[in-house]
Amino acid sequence: MSRLFSRLAPDADVSRRDIQFGLVWVVRNGLASQAMETLTIGAFLVAYALQLGASNLHIGILAAVPHLVQFAQLFGVYLLERYRARRLLCVVAGAISRPMLLVMAAAAFVPSSGGALALLTAAFVVRYTLGAIVSSGWSAWIRDLVPEARRGRFFAKRLMLMTLIGMGVSLVAAGFVDVWTYYWPGKRTMAYSILLGLAFLFGAASVYCMARMPEPRMPGPPTDLKLKALLSRPFADRNFRSLMFFLGSWNFAVNLAAPFFTVYMLTRLGLDLTTVTVLTVLSQLANVLVLREWGAIADRFSNKSVLSVCGPLFILCIFAWTFTTFPERHALTIPLLVAIHILTGVATAGVTLGSTNIGLKLAPAGSAAAYLASSSLVNAVAAGIAPIIGGLSADFFLKRDLSLILHWSSPDSDVILPALSLQHWDFFFVFATIVGAYSIHRLALVREVGEVSERVVLGELLVDAKRTVRNLSTVAGLRSLTEFPFDALRRSIRRRRRRQERLKGAKGPVKPT
């Protein structure tokens, strides 16, 4: 055991070559972790829980768990400040958490619905509690490992590859569940159990990748400050406090509605798991296509500039969910869902990248762990309370309806057109929109070096998009072909005129006779 601890201790010297080597394993860790997370949260977790008999409140609790257990980061920060070994902390806590996926898989074999959900929830809590301890060391570790000058592009590339892996895994997994259900319709829960077993293997691979990454020594001497004093520093930093208020209100808005998107599509709209997965993959594909652009813009200008564009777009996408029923599913429901998922993917890419990097950038070196842990705790409280409120209020709004109609009356006709209809989950979408608008206001109070207006960011995107279209579209090629004769003729006329002027100048003025 002591040999293992010695192997995972911080490296005395980390060269540029070691950093390049480590960044490769950071990417591999992200791919393995993404495959694990894809199979254990999101649509698959919701479908698994519903299959076990979960209520709306239980879905809300499961959505809240990953956030509320972030308080375990306090213990992680304490261990970091005492032992100053981030790799050791991440690997040990990660290795203990992965077997919980097998316990979650075992819930499918419990005969009673209550017992199965209790086992699933308990394993879920333990797994994410240990994951929170990993996060307390991971963020500060990565901050010191990845060079700041290329941080935006690196994380954009990493997120892009992770998204591609998530897309592939989710499609294969959804197809597996549907095929399994076709042959064994009475044993659908077993399919999710198998997926959780595969997730355990991916999780074990991610821990191995962490063990291979180099760890620079933490800057600064060990601190003897008490945990309360250590975590109070970020709240005394006015600018970082403004950032935490923004992220907290933002996470509350998002998690009030987002955890129930899958429930909404499966129950209210009556979509099957494959359709839900295809929509998710579509969103992820849009995410991949713009992620590199957001990373480049974040490096060139600022993370806040990216957030100021992507945040409002994301909030508008949440509000658009209210129009997917009118008041029931209609002909434009699927096209609207497609548009929502594409735009959400575009917005999520920028929000994820910007919110991650701006915290890393504004956290001072040497105190990054405490700053990032404090920010995570604020986010955890906001994001953890929101879905529980949603789950508790779901039954109340089930029998509530708010409609806005347009009524046209004439001697020959009487027409009533629904302009807006809110039912059940629609209320959460509206509330999330209101809170999200407030969070954008809080973002304006954050200061970051290099920030520019939204118009500049949108201009950069339009320029890049125009360049991409010209490179890829056959229309651009046809346009250049049609313009070529006119350009050639114009250039030929100009050259001929210049030659004539030179000839006249060489001959000089004509003498009168």
Protein backbone atom coordinates (compact mmCIF):
# COMPACT_ATOMS: atom_id res chain seq x y z
CA MET A 1 0.00 0.00 0.00
CA SER A 2 2.82 2.41 0.83
CA ARG A 3 4.34 1.68 -2.57
CA LEU A 4 1.06 2.66 -4.23
CA PHE A 5 0.90 5.87 -2.23
CA SER A 6 4.49 6.66 -3.19
CA ARG A 7 3.71 6.04 -6.87
CA LEU A 8 0.73 8.43 -6.75
CA ALA A 9 2.53 11.18 -4.83
CA PRO A 10 3.14 14.51 -6.63
CA ASP A 11 6.04 14.54 -9.10
CA ALA A 12 9.17 16.42 -8.05
CA ASP A 13 9.61 17.87 -11.54
CA VAL A 14 7.14 18.04 -14.43
CA SER A 15 8.80 18.85 -17.75
CA ARG A 16 7.13 20.08 -20.92
CA ARG A 17 7.34 16.57 -22.30
CA ASP A 18 5.62 15.23 -19.18
CA ILE A 19 2.83 17.74 -19.66
CA GLN A 20 2.32 16.65 -23.27
CA PHE A 21 2.24 13.04 -22.09
CA GLY A 22 -0.23 13.92 -19.36
CA LEU A 23 -2.59 15.78 -21.66
CA VAL A 24 -3.01 12.63 -23.72
CA TRP A 25 -4.15 10.76 -20.62
CA VAL A 26 -6.43 13.66 -19.65
CA VAL A 27 -8.23 13.18 -22.96
CA ARG A 28 -8.40 9.40 -22.49
CA ASN A 29 -9.76 9.88 -19.01
CA GLY A 30 -12.46 12.15 -20.43
CA LEU A 31 -13.47 9.57 -23.04
CA ALA A 32 -13.75 6.74 -20.52
CA SER A 33 -15.61 8.94 -18.03
CA GLN A 34 -18.02 10.14 -20.71
CA ALA A 35 -18.86 6.58 -21.72
CA MET A 36 -19.48 5.72 -18.06
CA GLU A 37 -21.65 8.79 -17.44
CA THR A 38 -23.67 8.26 -20.62
CA LEU A 39 -24.77 4.83 -19.42
CA THR A 40 -25.51 5.84 -15.84
CA ILE A 41 -27.27 9.23 -15.96
CA GLY A 42 -29.61 11.14 -18.25
CA ALA A 43 -32.20 9.28 -20.28
CA PHE A 44 -30.97 5.81 -19.28
CA LEU A 45 -31.11 6.52 -15.54
CA VAL A 46 -34.57 8.10 -15.84
CA ALA A 47 -35.88 5.20 -17.95
CA TYR A 48 -34.34 2.67 -15.52
CA ALA A 49 -35.90 4.42 -12.51
CA LEU A 50 -39.31 4.69 -14.20
CA GLN A 51 -39.11 1.00 -15.04
CA LEU A 52 -38.49 0.28 -11.34
CA GLY A 53 -41.58 2.34 -10.43
CA ALA A 54 -40.11 5.75 -9.57
CA SER A 55 -42.42 8.74 -8.99
CA ASN A 56 -41.80 12.33 -10.08
CA LEU A 57 -40.41 13.11 -6.64
CA HIS A 58 -38.00 10.19 -6.88
CA ILE A 59 -36.81 11.40 -10.29
CA GLY A 60 -36.24 14.83 -8.75
CA ILE A 61 -34.26 13.31 -5.87
CA LEU A 62 -32.04 11.34 -8.26
CA ALA A 63 -31.44 14.51 -10.25
CA ALA A 64 -30.55 16.39 -7.04
CA VAL A 65 -28.16 13.81 -5.60
CA PRO A 66 -25.10 14.62 -7.79
CA HIS A 67 -25.40 18.25 -6.71
CA LEU A 68 -26.29 17.97 -3.03
CA VAL A 69 -23.46 15.55 -2.25
CA GLN A 70 -20.97 18.16 -3.48
CA PHE A 71 -20.65 19.13 0.19
CA ALA A 72 -18.24 16.21 0.35
CA GLN A 73 -15.83 18.53 -1.42
CA LEU A 74 -15.28 20.17 1.97
CA PHE A 75 -13.69 16.96 3.17
CA GLY A 76 -11.76 16.71 -0.09
CA VAL A 77 -10.36 20.23 0.32
CA TYR A 78 -9.34 19.39 3.88
CA LEU A 79 -7.45 16.31 2.66
CA LEU A 80 -5.80 18.33 -0.10
CA GLU A 81 -4.57 21.03 2.23
CA ARG A 82 -3.26 18.46 4.69
CA TYR A 83 -1.61 15.95 2.34
CA ARG A 84 -1.30 18.03 -0.87
CA ALA A 85 -1.59 14.98 -3.11
CA ARG A 86 -4.30 15.48 -5.69
CA ARG A 87 -3.58 12.43 -7.85
CA LEU A 88 -3.62 10.14 -4.83
CA LEU A 89 -6.94 11.56 -3.66
CA CYS A 90 -8.59 11.29 -7.09
CA VAL A 91 -7.42 7.74 -7.81
CA VAL A 92 -8.32 6.29 -4.40
CA ALA A 93 -11.75 7.95 -4.19
CA GLY A 94 -12.48 7.09 -7.82
CA ALA A 95 -11.49 3.44 -7.37
CA ILE A 96 -13.85 3.11 -4.38
CA SER A 97 -16.75 4.77 -6.18
CA ARG A 98 -16.77 2.64 -9.34
CA PRO A 99 -18.12 -0.61 -7.75
CA MET A 100 -21.25 1.32 -6.79
CA LEU A 101 -22.27 1.00 -10.44
CA LEU A 102 -22.52 -2.76 -9.93
CA VAL A 103 -24.73 -2.18 -6.89
CA MET A 104 -26.98 0.02 -9.01
CA ALA A 105 -27.15 -2.77 -11.57
CA ALA A 106 -28.16 -5.22 -8.83
CA ALA A 107 -31.32 -3.18 -8.15
CA ALA A 108 -32.89 -4.85 -11.18
CA PHE A 109 -32.87 -8.17 -9.29
CA VAL A 110 -34.65 -6.85 -6.18
CA PRO A 111 -38.27 -8.12 -6.24
CA SER A 112 -39.98 -5.15 -4.58
CA SER A 113 -40.17 -1.76 -6.26
CA GLY A 114 -39.46 0.11 -3.01
CA GLY A 115 -36.41 -2.02 -2.23
CA ALA A 116 -35.03 -1.69 -5.76
CA LEU A 117 -35.38 2.11 -5.73
CA ALA A 118 -33.84 2.31 -2.24
CA LEU A 119 -30.82 0.27 -3.34
CA LEU A 120 -30.47 2.30 -6.54
CA THR A 121 -30.63 5.59 -4.65
CA ALA A 122 -28.22 4.50 -1.89
CA ALA A 123 -25.58 3.35 -4.39
CA PHE A 124 -26.13 6.52 -6.40
CA VAL A 125 -25.53 8.67 -3.31
CA VAL A 126 -22.32 6.84 -2.33
CA ARG A 127 -20.98 6.96 -5.84
CA TYR A 128 -21.47 10.69 -6.27
CA THR A 129 -20.30 11.49 -2.76
CA LEU A 130 -16.96 9.93 -3.60
CA GLY A 131 -17.11 11.62 -6.99
CA ALA A 132 -17.39 14.99 -5.24
CA ILE A 133 -14.17 14.24 -3.36
CA VAL A 134 -12.54 13.45 -6.69
CA SER A 135 -13.76 16.77 -8.11
CA SER A 136 -12.19 18.77 -5.28
CA GLY A 137 -8.75 17.59 -6.35
CA TRP A 138 -9.38 17.19 -10.06
CA SER A 139 -10.18 20.83 -10.89
CA ALA A 140 -7.10 22.23 -9.14
CA TRP A 141 -4.93 19.46 -10.59
CA ILE A 142 -6.04 20.16 -14.16
CA ARG A 143 -5.65 23.89 -13.64
CA ASP A 144 -1.95 23.44 -12.89
CA LEU A 145 -1.39 20.79 -15.56
CA VAL A 146 -2.97 22.43 -18.63
CA PRO A 147 -1.15 25.58 -19.84
CA GLU A 148 -3.41 28.63 -19.58
CA ALA A 149 -2.61 29.88 -23.10
CA ARG A 150 -4.12 26.76 -24.69
CA ARG A 151 -6.68 25.88 -22.03
CA GLY A 152 -9.71 26.95 -24.04
CA ARG A 153 -8.75 25.05 -27.18
CA PHE A 154 -7.65 21.99 -25.23
CA PHE A 155 -10.86 21.66 -23.26
CA ALA A 156 -12.89 22.38 -26.38
CA LYS A 157 -11.17 19.49 -28.16
CA ARG A 158 -11.57 17.24 -25.12
CA LEU A 159 -15.26 18.09 -24.80
CA MET A 160 -15.74 17.53 -28.53
CA LEU A 161 -14.22 14.05 -28.38
CA MET A 162 -16.18 13.25 -25.23
CA THR A 163 -19.40 14.33 -26.94
CA LEU A 164 -18.67 12.11 -29.93
CA ILE A 165 -18.10 9.16 -27.64
CA GLY A 166 -21.30 9.96 -25.77
CA MET A 167 -23.24 10.06 -29.03
CA GLY A 168 -21.97 6.68 -30.17
CA VAL A 169 -22.45 4.98 -26.82
CA SER A 170 -25.97 6.37 -26.34
CA LEU A 171 -27.13 5.25 -29.79
CA VAL A 172 -25.73 1.74 -29.35
CA ALA A 173 -27.15 1.49 -25.83
CA ALA A 174 -30.61 2.69 -26.89
CA GLY A 175 -30.63 0.19 -29.75
CA PHE A 176 -29.56 -2.55 -27.34
CA VAL A 177 -32.44 -1.73 -24.96
CA ASP A 178 -35.00 -1.76 -27.78
CA VAL A 179 -33.71 -5.08 -29.19
CA TRP A 180 -33.65 -6.58 -25.70
CA THR A 181 -37.22 -5.40 -25.07
CA TYR A 182 -38.36 -6.90 -28.38
CA TYR A 183 -37.11 -10.37 -27.44
CA TRP A 184 -37.64 -10.17 -23.66
CA PRO A 185 -40.38 -7.57 -23.07
CA GLY A 186 -40.93 -8.65 -19.48
CA LYS A 187 -37.28 -8.23 -18.48
CA ARG A 188 -36.56 -4.69 -19.64
CA THR A 189 -34.82 -3.78 -16.38
CA MET A 190 -32.16 -6.43 -17.08
CA ALA A 191 -31.05 -4.45 -20.14
CA TYR A 192 -30.29 -1.42 -17.98
CA SER A 193 -28.47 -3.67 -15.52
CA ILE A 194 -26.16 -4.87 -18.29
CA LEU A 195 -25.47 -1.28 -19.34
CA LEU A 196 -24.48 -0.40 -15.77
CA GLY A 197 -22.07 -3.35 -15.79
CA LEU A 198 -20.43 -1.93 -18.90
CA ALA A 199 -20.34 1.47 -17.25
CA PHE A 200 -18.30 -0.05 -14.41
CA LEU A 201 -15.65 -1.20 -16.90
CA PHE A 202 -15.44 2.27 -18.44
CA GLY A 203 -15.21 3.76 -14.95
CA ALA A 204 -12.32 1.49 -14.04
CA ALA A 205 -10.53 2.58 -17.22
CA SER A 206 -10.98 6.25 -16.29
CA VAL A 207 -9.32 5.65 -12.90
CA TYR A 208 -6.37 3.98 -14.63
CA CYS A 209 -6.01 7.03 -16.88
CA MET A 210 -5.88 9.31 -13.84
CA ALA A 211 -3.11 7.21 -12.34
CA ARG A 212 -1.00 7.76 -15.48
CA MET A 213 -1.32 11.57 -15.47
CA PRO A 214 1.56 13.60 -13.98
CA GLU A 215 0.86 15.89 -11.05
CA PRO A 216 2.77 19.13 -10.48
CA ARG A 217 3.34 20.03 -6.88
CA MET A 218 0.73 22.36 -5.43
CA PRO A 219 2.09 25.93 -5.42
CA GLY A 220 2.64 27.64 -2.08
CA PRO A 221 3.34 26.21 1.35
CA PRO A 222 0.80 24.04 3.21
CA THR A 223 -1.79 26.14 4.99
CA ASP A 224 -2.84 25.74 8.60
CA LEU A 225 -6.06 27.69 8.10
CA LYS A 226 -9.26 26.12 9.33
CA LEU A 227 -11.67 24.92 6.69
CA LYS A 228 -14.16 27.68 7.43
CA ALA A 229 -11.52 30.36 6.98
CA LEU A 230 -10.20 28.65 3.86
CA LEU A 231 -13.60 28.60 2.15
CA SER A 232 -14.51 32.12 3.24
CA ARG A 233 -11.81 33.65 1.01
CA PRO A 234 -13.79 33.29 -2.24
CA PHE A 235 -16.79 35.04 -0.67
CA ALA A 236 -14.55 37.96 0.32
CA ASP A 237 -13.39 38.26 -3.29
CA ARG A 238 -16.00 40.58 -4.82
CA ASN A 239 -15.50 39.51 -8.41
CA PHE A 240 -15.45 35.79 -7.64
CA ARG A 241 -18.51 36.24 -5.41
CA SER A 242 -20.35 37.76 -8.37
CA LEU A 243 -19.33 34.75 -10.45
CA MET A 244 -20.69 32.37 -7.81
CA PHE A 245 -24.02 34.22 -7.69
CA PHE A 246 -24.31 33.95 -11.46
CA LEU A 247 -23.44 30.25 -11.54
CA GLY A 248 -25.78 29.53 -8.62
CA SER A 249 -28.81 31.23 -10.16
CA TRP A 250 -27.96 29.71 -13.54
CA ASN A 251 -27.78 26.18 -12.14
CA PHE A 252 -31.07 26.66 -10.31
CA ALA A 253 -32.80 27.73 -13.54
CA VAL A 254 -31.36 24.88 -15.59
CA ASN A 255 -32.02 22.13 -13.04
CA LEU A 256 -35.56 23.26 -12.37
CA ALA A 257 -36.49 22.09 -15.86
CA ALA A 258 -33.71 20.05 -17.49
CA PRO A 259 -33.97 16.89 -15.31
CA PHE A 260 -37.56 16.45 -16.43
CA PHE A 261 -37.03 16.83 -20.18
CA THR A 262 -36.71 13.07 -20.53
CA VAL A 263 -39.74 12.42 -18.32
CA TYR A 264 -41.68 14.97 -20.36
CA MET A 265 -40.84 13.29 -23.67
CA LEU A 266 -41.41 9.74 -22.43
CA THR A 267 -44.69 10.37 -20.57
CA ARG A 268 -46.32 13.58 -21.83
CA LEU A 269 -45.32 13.31 -25.50
CA GLY A 270 -45.29 9.52 -25.60
CA LEU A 271 -41.94 9.16 -27.39
CA ASP A 272 -39.93 5.93 -27.22
CA LEU A 273 -36.40 5.71 -25.82
CA THR A 274 -34.80 5.49 -29.26
CA THR A 275 -36.43 8.74 -30.41
CA VAL A 276 -35.39 10.47 -27.20
CA THR A 277 -31.84 9.20 -27.68
CA VAL A 278 -31.73 10.34 -31.32
CA LEU A 279 -32.79 13.83 -30.24
CA THR A 280 -30.09 13.79 -27.58
CA VAL A 281 -27.49 12.72 -30.12
CA LEU A 282 -28.65 15.49 -32.44
CA SER A 283 -28.04 17.98 -29.66
CA GLN A 284 -24.62 16.49 -29.01
CA LEU A 285 -23.76 16.69 -32.72
CA ALA A 286 -24.59 20.39 -32.76
CA ASN A 287 -22.47 20.69 -29.64
CA VAL A 288 -19.48 19.14 -31.39
CA LEU A 289 -19.77 21.31 -34.50
CA VAL A 290 -19.49 24.59 -32.58
CA LEU A 291 -17.34 23.56 -29.63
CA ARG A 292 -14.03 24.37 -31.30
CA GLU A 293 -15.34 27.80 -32.33
CA TRP A 294 -16.40 28.60 -28.78
CA GLY A 295 -13.00 27.52 -27.52
CA ALA A 296 -11.20 29.76 -30.00
CA ILE A 297 -13.42 32.73 -29.13
CA ALA A 298 -12.90 32.13 -25.41
CA ASP A 299 -9.12 32.15 -25.91
CA ARG A 300 -9.22 35.21 -28.15
CA PHE A 301 -11.62 37.32 -26.10
CA SER A 302 -12.99 35.93 -22.82
CA ASN A 303 -15.18 33.22 -21.34
CA LYS A 304 -17.72 35.81 -20.22
CA SER A 305 -18.18 36.90 -23.83
CA VAL A 306 -19.10 33.36 -24.77
CA LEU A 307 -21.48 33.03 -21.80
CA SER A 308 -23.19 36.31 -22.66
CA VAL A 309 -24.24 34.82 -26.01
CA CYS A 310 -24.88 31.19 -25.10
CA GLY A 311 -26.72 31.87 -21.83
CA PRO A 312 -29.68 33.74 -23.36
CA LEU A 313 -29.88 31.21 -26.20
CA PHE A 314 -30.10 28.35 -23.69
CA ILE A 315 -32.85 30.12 -21.73
CA LEU A 316 -34.86 30.71 -24.91
CA CYS A 317 -34.58 27.00 -25.68
CA ILE A 318 -36.07 26.15 -22.29
CA PHE A 319 -38.99 28.51 -22.92
CA ALA A 320 -39.55 26.94 -26.36
CA TRP A 321 -40.48 23.64 -24.67
CA THR A 322 -43.82 25.21 -23.70
CA PHE A 323 -44.82 25.26 -27.38
CA THR A 324 -44.28 21.51 -27.97
CA THR A 325 -47.90 20.97 -26.85
CA PHE A 326 -50.87 23.13 -27.81
CA PRO A 327 -52.27 21.88 -25.47
CA GLU A 328 -51.45 18.36 -26.70
CA ARG A 329 -48.90 16.99 -29.12
CA HIS A 330 -49.35 18.52 -32.59
CA ALA A 331 -47.91 18.30 -36.11
CA LEU A 332 -45.03 20.65 -35.33
CA THR A 333 -44.01 18.93 -32.09
CA ILE A 334 -41.23 16.81 -33.57
CA PRO A 335 -39.80 19.58 -35.82
CA LEU A 336 -39.84 21.93 -32.83
CA LEU A 337 -38.08 19.34 -30.67
CA VAL A 338 -35.42 18.95 -33.35
CA ALA A 339 -34.84 22.72 -33.47
CA ILE A 340 -34.77 22.96 -29.67
CA HIS A 341 -32.21 20.18 -29.34
CA ILE A 342 -29.96 21.63 -32.04
CA LEU A 343 -29.95 25.12 -30.53
CA THR A 344 -29.57 23.69 -27.03
CA GLY A 345 -26.51 21.79 -28.19
CA VAL A 346 -25.01 24.99 -29.62
CA ALA A 347 -25.72 26.88 -26.38
CA THR A 348 -24.59 24.07 -24.08
CA ALA A 349 -21.20 23.90 -25.77
CA GLY A 350 -20.49 27.53 -24.95
CA VAL A 351 -22.02 27.46 -21.48
CA THR A 352 -20.13 24.34 -20.42
CA LEU A 353 -16.82 25.59 -21.77
CA GLY A 354 -17.25 29.15 -20.55
CA SER A 355 -18.49 28.36 -17.04
CA THR A 356 -15.70 25.82 -16.50
CA ASN A 357 -12.90 28.02 -17.79
CA ILE A 358 -14.00 31.25 -16.16
CA GLY A 359 -13.87 29.59 -12.73
CA LEU A 360 -10.41 28.22 -13.45
CA LYS A 361 -9.25 31.62 -14.72
CA LEU A 362 -10.57 33.74 -11.85
CA ALA A 363 -9.39 31.34 -9.12
CA PRO A 364 -5.91 32.46 -7.93
CA ALA A 365 -3.01 30.02 -8.12
CA GLY A 366 -2.39 28.22 -4.85
CA SER A 367 -5.97 28.71 -3.66
CA ALA A 368 -7.73 27.24 -6.68
CA ALA A 369 -8.99 24.20 -4.77
CA ALA A 370 -10.72 26.30 -2.12
CA TYR A 371 -12.13 28.78 -4.64
CA LEU A 372 -13.44 26.11 -6.99
CA ALA A 373 -14.82 24.06 -4.10
CA SER A 374 -16.74 27.09 -2.78
CA SER A 375 -18.14 27.73 -6.23
CA SER A 376 -19.14 24.09 -6.55
CA LEU A 377 -20.92 24.20 -3.20
CA VAL A 378 -22.97 27.22 -4.22
CA ASN A 379 -23.83 25.49 -7.49
CA ALA A 380 -24.66 22.29 -5.60
CA VAL A 381 -27.16 23.96 -3.31
CA ALA A 382 -28.91 25.73 -6.19
CA ALA A 383 -28.86 22.76 -8.57
CA GLY A 384 -29.86 20.32 -5.80
CA ILE A 385 -32.85 22.25 -4.52
CA ALA A 386 -34.31 22.94 -7.96
CA PRO A 387 -35.22 19.38 -9.08
CA ILE A 388 -36.57 18.50 -5.64
CA ILE A 389 -38.87 21.51 -5.86
CA GLY A 390 -39.85 20.29 -9.29
CA GLY A 391 -40.58 16.77 -8.08
CA LEU A 392 -42.59 17.98 -5.06
CA SER A 393 -44.61 20.40 -7.19
CA ALA A 394 -45.23 18.05 -10.10
CA ASP A 395 -48.49 16.63 -8.76
CA PHE A 396 -49.75 20.12 -7.83
CA PHE A 397 -49.32 21.43 -11.38
CA LEU A 398 -50.68 18.23 -12.89
CA LYS A 399 -54.26 19.53 -12.59
CA ARG A 400 -53.47 23.19 -13.32
CA ASP A 401 -53.89 24.85 -16.70
CA LEU A 402 -53.15 28.39 -17.87
CA SER A 403 -54.26 29.33 -21.38
CA LEU A 404 -54.07 32.41 -23.54
CA ILE A 405 -56.36 32.39 -26.57
CA LEU A 406 -57.11 34.64 -29.52
CA HIS A 407 -60.80 34.91 -30.24
CA TRP A 408 -62.07 36.21 -33.59
CA SER A 409 -65.79 36.76 -33.96
CA SER A 410 -67.63 37.84 -37.11
CA PRO A 411 -71.18 37.45 -38.47
CA ASP A 412 -70.06 34.44 -40.54
CA SER A 413 -67.57 32.74 -38.23
CA ASP A 414 -66.32 32.36 -34.71
CA VAL A 415 -62.62 31.36 -34.53
CA ILE A 416 -60.66 30.56 -31.37
CA LEU A 417 -56.90 30.18 -31.70
CA PRO A 418 -54.74 29.06 -28.76
CA ALA A 419 -51.77 31.42 -28.34
CA LEU A 420 -50.29 29.87 -25.21
CA SER A 421 -51.16 26.85 -23.10
CA LEU A 422 -49.28 25.88 -19.93
CA GLN A 423 -49.82 22.50 -18.30
CA HIS A 424 -47.84 20.45 -15.79
CA TRP A 425 -44.13 20.66 -16.74
CA ASP A 426 -44.76 23.80 -18.81
CA PHE A 427 -44.91 25.82 -15.59
CA PHE A 428 -41.39 24.72 -14.69
CA PHE A 429 -40.14 25.76 -18.11
CA VAL A 430 -41.58 29.25 -17.62
CA PHE A 431 -40.18 29.57 -14.10
CA ALA A 432 -36.78 28.40 -15.32
CA THR A 433 -36.90 31.05 -18.06
CA ILE A 434 -37.56 33.81 -15.52
CA VAL A 435 -34.76 32.70 -13.18
CA GLY A 436 -32.43 32.24 -16.14
CA ALA A 437 -33.06 35.81 -17.27
CA TYR A 438 -32.09 36.98 -13.79
CA SER A 439 -28.87 34.93 -13.91
CA ILE A 440 -27.86 36.67 -17.15
CA HIS A 441 -28.20 39.93 -15.27
CA ARG A 442 -25.85 38.60 -12.59
CA LEU A 443 -23.31 37.68 -15.27
CA ALA A 444 -23.00 41.36 -16.23
CA LEU A 445 -21.50 42.05 -12.78
CA VAL A 446 -18.58 39.64 -13.34
CA ARG A 447 -15.33 41.13 -14.62
CA GLU A 448 -12.91 39.20 -16.79
CA VAL A 449 -9.91 40.41 -18.75
CA GLY A 450 -10.60 40.52 -22.48
CA GLU A 451 -14.38 40.56 -22.36
CA VAL A 452 -16.15 42.07 -25.35
CA SER A 453 -19.76 42.73 -26.31
CA GLU A 454 -22.14 40.11 -27.61
CA ARG A 455 -22.11 41.76 -31.05
CA VAL A 456 -18.38 41.11 -31.42
CA VAL A 457 -18.80 37.43 -30.53
CA LEU A 458 -21.71 37.00 -32.92
CA GLY A 459 -19.69 38.76 -35.62
CA GLU A 460 -16.84 36.29 -35.14
CA LEU A 461 -19.28 33.38 -35.40
CA LEU A 462 -20.82 34.76 -38.58
CA VAL A 463 -17.41 35.24 -40.16
CA ASP A 464 -16.39 31.67 -39.29
CA ALA A 465 -19.72 30.31 -40.49
CA LYS A 466 -19.44 32.22 -43.78
CA ARG A 467 -15.92 30.92 -44.31
CA THR A 468 -17.05 27.35 -43.57
CA VAL A 469 -20.00 27.57 -45.97
CA ARG A 470 -17.79 28.89 -48.74
CA ASN A 471 -15.36 26.04 -48.22
CA LEU A 472 -17.99 23.31 -48.09
CA SER A 473 -20.97 24.45 -50.15
CA THR A 474 -21.26 23.73 -53.86
CA VAL A 475 -23.29 26.94 -54.18
CA ALA A 476 -20.20 28.97 -53.33
CA GLY A 477 -18.37 27.21 -56.13
CA LEU A 478 -21.14 27.99 -58.61
CA ARG A 479 -21.10 31.62 -57.50
CA SER A 480 -17.38 31.95 -58.18
CA LEU A 481 -17.84 30.36 -61.59
CA THR A 482 -20.54 32.84 -62.59
CA GLU A 483 -18.50 35.79 -61.37
CA PHE A 484 -15.25 34.77 -63.08
CA PRO A 485 -15.92 36.03 -66.67
CA PHE A 486 -16.96 39.46 -65.43
CA ASP A 487 -13.94 39.78 -63.15
CA ALA A 488 -11.62 38.69 -65.96
CA LEU A 489 -13.19 41.12 -68.39
CA ARG A 490 -12.97 44.00 -65.91
CA ARG A 491 -9.30 43.26 -65.18
CA SER A 492 -8.54 42.99 -68.91
CA ILE A 493 -10.13 46.40 -69.62
CA ARG A 494 -8.19 48.04 -66.79
CA ARG A 495 -4.89 46.57 -68.02
CA ARG A 496 -5.59 47.78 -71.58
CA ARG A 497 -6.33 51.32 -70.37
CA ARG A 498 -3.13 51.44 -68.31
CA ARG A 499 -1.08 50.30 -71.32
CA GLN A 500 -2.63 52.96 -73.50
CA GLU A 501 -1.90 55.65 -70.91
CA ARG A 502 1.73 54.54 -70.67
CA LEU A 503 2.11 54.62 -74.47
CA LYS A 504 0.69 58.14 -74.64
CA GLY A 505 3.02 59.29 -71.90
CA ALA A 506 6.04 57.81 -73.72
CA LYS A 507 5.22 59.56 -77.01
CA GLY A 508 4.72 62.93 -75.28
CA PRO A 509 2.34 65.67 -76.42
CA VAL A 510 1.63 65.97 -80.11
CA LYS A 511 3.17 69.14 -81.66
CA PRO A 512 0.90 71.35 -83.79
CA THR A 513 1.80 71.65 -87.44
